[in-house]
Amino acid sequence: MAGIFNRMKRERFIYLLLLPGLLYFIIYRYLPMAGLVISFQDYNPFVGIWKSEWVGFKHFARMFEDSEVIHVLINTLQISVLQIFVAFPFSIILALMLNALRNETYKKLIQSMVYLPHFLSWVVVVGIFVVFMRGEGLINSILAQFGLSGIPFLTEPALFKPIIVLQTIWKEAGWGTIIFLAALSGVNPALYEAAVIDGASRFRQLWHVTLPAIRGVIVTLFILRLGSVLDTGFEHIFLMLNPFNMESGNVLDTYVYYKGIQQGNISFATSVGMFKGVIGLILVVSAGKLAKRFGEDGLY
């Protein structure tokens, strides 16, 4: 124990750099967890937590009995699965394509272009897509020029999930390549030279050298992504919702908002949010143990 304190004293400036991030998580992530107790109450904001009636697991039981919650959960899982198995690999593919470029000037230009959408808010991103996809928008105007009927992109329930995934790829795929490009820069060039001597094609080099070298990074980021499998992003989904696509697009995040804020059912909404967190924790721990079983480091 004394050794730990001596080390912290010796490296106090490094630990000082950790302080802002540590305070952020303590204040905005861990302290608010105390409010989860209202999941077990019929919370009344006029009397506060201490005087609200305790009801045990009433709201959790209601959550699993309510067909609307089940429908919203299915929507959430469908969007999350699409984002994990479509949007997540897209960042890897984009990083591999950028890494293959030999012209550094062109490579940096492309990198800057694909990074930029990350810095736009979802309000701006959704606004851009609405301009292109609305009834009299650019895409339908082009279709009309060819004598084709317009497509109701923003009101067709079946198109809601693909559009959400498309927007996620456009906004975040470029930013997601940063970690993969950093991992690719650490691959030993001698491995590629040996593969060329053995007659390996570019695809074989990619499959047998590049991907195994960054497999640990891919597994770690995949585990972290699993932890937020029920977190599809409130702002993004909320901005895209309308009365026509509500059945296909209402997810747990927006459901909690409608139930907790608009309808004042705070305790029930909190229990749904707590359920999300518990499922995320279980998935992260399970995926970490599974990764170790296959020889990877996992998260801890």
Protein backbone atom coordinates (compact mmCIF):
# COMPACT_ATOMS: atom_id res chain seq x y z
CA MET A 1 0.00 0.00 0.00
CA ALA A 2 2.86 2.35 0.88
CA GLY A 3 4.43 1.56 -2.48
CA ILE A 4 1.29 2.70 -4.30
CA PHE A 5 1.21 6.04 -2.47
CA ASN A 6 4.94 6.54 -3.12
CA ARG A 7 4.42 5.90 -6.80
CA MET A 8 1.46 8.30 -6.92
CA LYS A 9 3.56 10.96 -5.18
CA ARG A 10 6.44 10.40 -7.59
CA GLU A 11 4.19 10.57 -10.65
CA ARG A 12 1.77 13.14 -9.22
CA PHE A 13 1.81 15.32 -12.34
CA ILE A 14 0.68 12.42 -14.51
CA TYR A 15 -2.15 11.65 -12.10
CA LEU A 16 -3.01 15.34 -12.09
CA LEU A 17 -3.66 15.07 -15.83
CA LEU A 18 -6.19 12.33 -15.08
CA LEU A 19 -8.07 14.50 -12.60
CA PRO A 20 -10.39 16.39 -15.04
CA GLY A 21 -11.53 13.17 -16.71
CA LEU A 22 -11.92 11.44 -13.36
CA LEU A 23 -14.01 14.29 -11.98
CA TYR A 24 -16.19 14.23 -15.09
CA PHE A 25 -17.05 10.56 -14.63
CA ILE A 26 -17.60 10.92 -10.89
CA ILE A 27 -19.87 13.97 -11.18
CA TYR A 28 -21.80 13.15 -14.35
CA ARG A 29 -21.71 9.33 -14.44
CA TYR A 30 -21.42 7.83 -10.96
CA LEU A 31 -23.12 10.33 -8.62
CA PRO A 32 -26.33 10.39 -10.72
CA MET A 33 -26.59 6.62 -10.18
CA ALA A 34 -27.95 7.39 -6.72
CA GLY A 35 -31.12 8.53 -8.46
CA LEU A 36 -31.76 5.00 -9.71
CA VAL A 37 -33.57 4.31 -6.44
CA ILE A 38 -36.67 5.94 -7.94
CA SER A 39 -36.96 2.84 -10.13
CA PHE A 40 -38.25 1.11 -7.01
CA GLN A 41 -40.65 3.92 -6.05
CA ASP A 42 -43.76 5.66 -7.30
CA TYR A 43 -41.69 8.80 -7.43
CA ASN A 44 -43.45 12.07 -6.74
CA PRO A 45 -41.27 15.11 -7.50
CA PHE A 46 -43.34 17.24 -5.12
CA VAL A 47 -42.40 15.16 -2.05
CA GLY A 48 -38.95 13.98 -3.17
CA ILE A 49 -37.15 10.65 -2.99
CA TRP A 50 -37.33 10.26 0.78
CA LYS A 51 -41.14 10.50 1.01
CA SER A 52 -42.11 8.74 -2.22
CA GLU A 53 -43.79 5.35 -1.86
CA TRP A 54 -41.59 2.26 -2.29
CA VAL A 55 -43.09 -0.27 -4.70
CA GLY A 56 -40.27 -2.77 -5.18
CA PHE A 57 -40.02 -4.32 -8.66
CA LYS A 58 -43.43 -3.11 -9.80
CA HIS A 59 -42.09 -1.01 -12.68
CA PHE A 60 -39.72 -3.75 -13.87
CA ALA A 61 -42.60 -6.24 -13.92
CA ARG A 62 -44.68 -3.77 -15.90
CA MET A 63 -41.79 -3.25 -18.29
CA PHE A 64 -41.69 -6.93 -19.28
CA GLU A 65 -45.49 -7.19 -19.45
CA ASP A 66 -45.96 -4.11 -21.64
CA SER A 67 -46.11 -5.07 -25.32
CA GLU A 68 -45.04 -1.53 -26.27
CA VAL A 69 -41.76 -1.94 -24.37
CA ILE A 70 -41.10 -5.23 -26.15
CA HIS A 71 -41.74 -3.58 -29.52
CA VAL A 72 -39.45 -0.66 -28.66
CA LEU A 73 -36.76 -3.10 -27.45
CA ILE A 74 -36.94 -4.99 -30.76
CA ASN A 75 -36.54 -1.70 -32.68
CA THR A 76 -33.52 -0.81 -30.54
CA LEU A 77 -31.86 -4.19 -31.07
CA GLN A 78 -32.47 -4.10 -34.81
CA ILE A 79 -30.85 -0.69 -35.18
CA SER A 80 -27.95 -1.65 -32.88
CA VAL A 81 -27.28 -4.87 -34.76
CA LEU A 82 -27.23 -2.97 -38.06
CA GLN A 83 -24.85 -0.39 -36.62
CA ILE A 84 -22.54 -3.07 -35.17
CA PHE A 85 -22.38 -5.33 -38.22
CA VAL A 86 -22.60 -2.65 -40.94
CA ALA A 87 -21.35 0.70 -39.60
CA PHE A 88 -18.59 -0.72 -37.35
CA PRO A 89 -16.87 -2.83 -40.09
CA PHE A 90 -17.14 0.13 -42.46
CA SER A 91 -14.59 2.04 -40.32
CA ILE A 92 -12.19 -0.92 -40.57
CA ILE A 93 -12.61 -1.17 -44.34
CA LEU A 94 -12.12 2.59 -44.73
CA ALA A 95 -8.96 2.47 -42.58
CA LEU A 96 -7.55 -0.37 -44.70
CA MET A 97 -8.28 1.57 -47.88
CA LEU A 98 -6.62 4.72 -46.52
CA ASN A 99 -3.63 2.71 -45.32
CA ALA A 100 -3.17 1.30 -48.83
CA LEU A 101 -2.77 4.77 -50.37
CA ARG A 102 0.84 5.58 -51.26
CA ASN A 103 0.44 9.27 -52.14
CA GLU A 104 0.71 11.00 -48.73
CA THR A 105 -0.80 14.28 -49.91
CA TYR A 106 -3.83 12.55 -51.38
CA LYS A 107 -4.09 10.33 -48.30
CA LYS A 108 -4.14 13.29 -45.90
CA LEU A 109 -6.71 15.08 -48.05
CA ILE A 110 -9.05 12.07 -48.00
CA GLN A 111 -8.53 11.64 -44.26
CA SER A 112 -9.48 15.25 -43.59
CA MET A 113 -12.59 14.93 -45.73
CA VAL A 114 -13.86 11.80 -43.98
CA TYR A 115 -13.08 13.22 -40.52
CA LEU A 116 -15.07 16.42 -41.00
CA PRO A 117 -18.64 15.03 -40.64
CA HIS A 118 -17.81 13.90 -37.08
CA PHE A 119 -17.62 17.52 -35.97
CA LEU A 120 -21.13 18.29 -37.20
CA SER A 121 -23.95 17.97 -34.69
CA TRP A 122 -26.75 15.53 -35.37
CA VAL A 123 -29.05 18.52 -35.90
CA VAL A 124 -26.95 19.58 -38.89
CA VAL A 125 -26.52 16.04 -40.22
CA VAL A 126 -30.24 15.27 -40.04
CA GLY A 127 -31.00 18.68 -41.58
CA ILE A 128 -28.72 17.88 -44.56
CA PHE A 129 -30.38 14.50 -45.11
CA VAL A 130 -33.86 16.01 -44.81
CA VAL A 131 -33.02 18.56 -47.50
CA PHE A 132 -31.89 15.75 -49.82
CA MET A 133 -34.61 13.22 -48.97
CA ARG A 134 -37.81 15.19 -48.41
CA GLY A 135 -40.67 14.97 -50.90
CA GLU A 136 -39.46 17.91 -53.00
CA GLY A 137 -35.80 17.32 -52.15
CA LEU A 138 -32.85 16.80 -54.46
CA ILE A 139 -33.10 13.00 -54.79
CA ASN A 140 -36.82 13.00 -55.62
CA SER A 141 -36.32 15.93 -57.99
CA ILE A 142 -33.72 13.91 -59.90
CA LEU A 143 -36.04 10.90 -59.98
CA ALA A 144 -38.81 13.12 -61.33
CA GLN A 145 -36.51 14.28 -64.15
CA PHE A 146 -36.27 10.65 -65.30
CA GLY A 147 -40.03 10.18 -65.04
CA LEU A 148 -39.81 8.07 -61.90
CA SER A 149 -42.10 8.42 -58.91
CA GLY A 150 -40.71 9.92 -55.71
CA ILE A 151 -39.68 7.84 -52.70
CA PRO A 152 -41.06 8.81 -49.27
CA PHE A 153 -37.69 8.46 -47.49
CA LEU A 154 -38.74 10.30 -44.34
CA THR A 155 -42.20 8.81 -43.89
CA GLU A 156 -41.73 5.19 -44.99
CA PRO A 157 -41.25 3.02 -41.85
CA ALA A 158 -39.26 0.37 -43.75
CA LEU A 159 -36.64 2.97 -44.76
CA PHE A 160 -36.12 4.43 -41.28
CA LYS A 161 -33.48 1.95 -40.04
CA PRO A 162 -31.37 1.90 -43.24
CA ILE A 163 -31.31 5.71 -43.27
CA ILE A 164 -30.23 5.81 -39.62
CA VAL A 165 -27.34 3.43 -40.38
CA LEU A 166 -26.40 5.42 -43.49
CA GLN A 167 -26.27 8.63 -41.46
CA THR A 168 -24.14 6.93 -38.79
CA ILE A 169 -21.67 5.71 -41.41
CA TRP A 170 -21.45 9.11 -43.08
CA LYS A 171 -20.89 10.94 -39.81
CA GLU A 172 -18.73 8.55 -37.76
CA ALA A 173 -16.95 6.12 -40.10
CA GLY A 174 -14.12 8.52 -40.86
CA TRP A 175 -13.56 9.37 -37.20
CA GLY A 176 -13.59 5.67 -36.34
CA THR A 177 -10.62 5.06 -38.63
CA ILE A 178 -8.26 7.02 -36.38
CA ILE A 179 -7.62 4.18 -33.93
CA PHE A 180 -7.36 1.58 -36.69
CA LEU A 181 -4.88 3.71 -38.67
CA ALA A 182 -2.80 4.14 -35.51
CA ALA A 183 -2.78 0.35 -35.06
CA LEU A 184 -1.87 -0.17 -38.72
CA SER A 185 1.09 2.19 -38.42
CA GLY A 186 2.58 -0.19 -35.83
CA VAL A 187 2.60 -3.24 -38.12
CA ASN A 188 6.16 -4.41 -38.78
CA PRO A 189 7.03 -3.75 -42.49
CA ALA A 190 9.23 -6.85 -42.42
CA LEU A 191 6.09 -8.97 -42.26
CA TYR A 192 4.91 -7.55 -45.58
CA GLU A 193 8.35 -8.06 -47.12
CA ALA A 194 8.34 -11.69 -46.02
CA ALA A 195 4.82 -12.14 -47.41
CA VAL A 196 5.89 -10.68 -50.79
CA ILE A 197 8.88 -13.04 -50.93
CA ASP A 198 6.49 -15.94 -50.29
CA GLY A 199 4.42 -14.79 -53.26
CA ALA A 200 1.44 -13.42 -51.31
CA SER A 201 -0.91 -11.14 -53.23
CA ARG A 202 -2.19 -7.84 -51.83
CA PHE A 203 -5.32 -9.59 -50.62
CA ARG A 204 -3.29 -12.35 -48.94
CA GLN A 205 -1.12 -9.73 -47.22
CA LEU A 206 -4.26 -8.03 -45.99
CA TRP A 207 -5.79 -11.28 -44.72
CA HIS A 208 -2.71 -12.89 -43.16
CA VAL A 209 -0.67 -9.87 -42.01
CA THR A 210 -2.74 -6.71 -41.65
CA LEU A 211 -5.94 -8.02 -40.06
CA PRO A 212 -4.19 -10.31 -37.52
CA ALA A 213 -1.98 -7.37 -36.50
CA ILE A 214 -4.97 -5.19 -35.59
CA ARG A 215 -7.22 -7.99 -34.34
CA GLY A 216 -6.72 -6.98 -30.69
CA VAL A 217 -7.83 -3.41 -31.41
CA ILE A 218 -10.87 -4.64 -33.33
CA VAL A 219 -11.89 -6.97 -30.47
CA THR A 220 -11.47 -4.23 -27.84
CA LEU A 221 -13.57 -1.70 -29.77
CA PHE A 222 -16.15 -4.37 -30.55
CA ILE A 223 -16.50 -5.13 -26.82
CA LEU A 224 -16.93 -1.44 -26.04
CA ARG A 225 -19.55 -1.18 -28.76
CA LEU A 226 -21.45 -4.12 -27.28
CA GLY A 227 -21.64 -2.21 -24.00
CA SER A 228 -23.83 0.39 -25.67
CA VAL A 229 -25.90 -2.06 -27.72
CA LEU A 230 -29.14 -0.60 -26.33
CA ASP A 231 -27.90 2.99 -26.66
CA THR A 232 -28.78 4.04 -30.20
CA GLY A 233 -28.39 7.76 -29.54
CA PHE A 234 -31.35 9.82 -28.39
CA GLU A 235 -30.68 13.00 -30.36
CA HIS A 236 -30.14 11.21 -33.67
CA ILE A 237 -33.28 9.07 -33.47
CA PHE A 238 -35.45 11.81 -31.97
CA LEU A 239 -34.68 14.22 -34.81
CA MET A 240 -35.62 11.62 -37.42
CA LEU A 241 -38.91 10.56 -35.80
CA ASN A 242 -42.28 11.69 -37.07
CA PRO A 243 -45.83 10.29 -36.73
CA PHE A 244 -45.40 8.17 -39.87
CA ASN A 245 -42.23 6.27 -38.86
CA MET A 246 -42.80 6.17 -35.09
CA GLU A 247 -43.70 2.47 -35.14
CA SER A 248 -40.40 1.56 -36.78
CA GLY A 249 -38.17 4.20 -35.18
CA ASN A 250 -39.21 4.52 -31.54
CA VAL A 251 -36.33 3.09 -29.45
CA LEU A 252 -35.61 2.83 -25.73
CA ASP A 253 -33.95 6.26 -25.57
CA THR A 254 -36.89 8.07 -27.12
CA TYR A 255 -39.39 5.86 -25.26
CA VAL A 256 -37.84 6.92 -21.94
CA TYR A 257 -38.16 10.56 -23.01
CA TYR A 258 -41.83 10.23 -23.98
CA LYS A 259 -42.75 8.28 -20.83
CA GLY A 260 -40.58 10.16 -18.35
CA ILE A 261 -40.63 13.76 -19.59
CA GLN A 262 -43.80 14.13 -21.66
CA GLN A 263 -46.06 11.82 -19.66
CA GLY A 264 -44.43 12.36 -16.25
CA ASN A 265 -43.96 8.64 -15.53
CA ILE A 266 -40.49 9.17 -14.13
CA SER A 267 -40.12 5.95 -12.13
CA PHE A 268 -41.10 3.71 -15.03
CA ALA A 269 -38.79 5.57 -17.43
CA THR A 270 -35.93 5.26 -14.93
CA SER A 271 -36.47 1.51 -14.63
CA VAL A 272 -36.22 1.20 -18.43
CA GLY A 273 -33.00 3.22 -18.39
CA MET A 274 -31.59 1.06 -15.59
CA PHE A 275 -32.45 -2.05 -17.59
CA LYS A 276 -30.40 -0.65 -20.48
CA GLY A 277 -27.38 -0.13 -18.24
CA VAL A 278 -27.53 -3.60 -16.71
CA ILE A 279 -27.78 -5.29 -20.11
CA GLY A 280 -24.81 -3.25 -21.35
CA LEU A 281 -22.73 -4.26 -18.31
CA ILE A 282 -23.57 -7.94 -18.79
CA LEU A 283 -22.63 -7.80 -22.47
CA VAL A 284 -19.29 -6.07 -21.81
CA VAL A 285 -18.28 -8.55 -19.10
CA SER A 286 -19.41 -11.54 -21.17
CA ALA A 287 -17.67 -10.34 -24.33
CA GLY A 288 -14.49 -9.62 -22.36
CA LYS A 289 -14.40 -13.16 -20.96
CA LEU A 290 -15.15 -14.61 -24.39
CA ALA A 291 -12.30 -12.58 -25.92
CA LYS A 292 -9.85 -13.91 -23.31
CA ARG A 293 -11.00 -17.44 -24.05
CA PHE A 294 -9.97 -16.89 -27.69
CA GLY A 295 -6.57 -15.55 -26.66
CA GLU A 296 -7.23 -11.79 -26.76
CA ASP A 297 -6.55 -9.33 -23.94
CA GLY A 298 -10.09 -8.00 -23.56
CA LEU A 299 -10.65 -4.82 -21.55
CA TYR A 300 -9.15 -5.87 -18.22
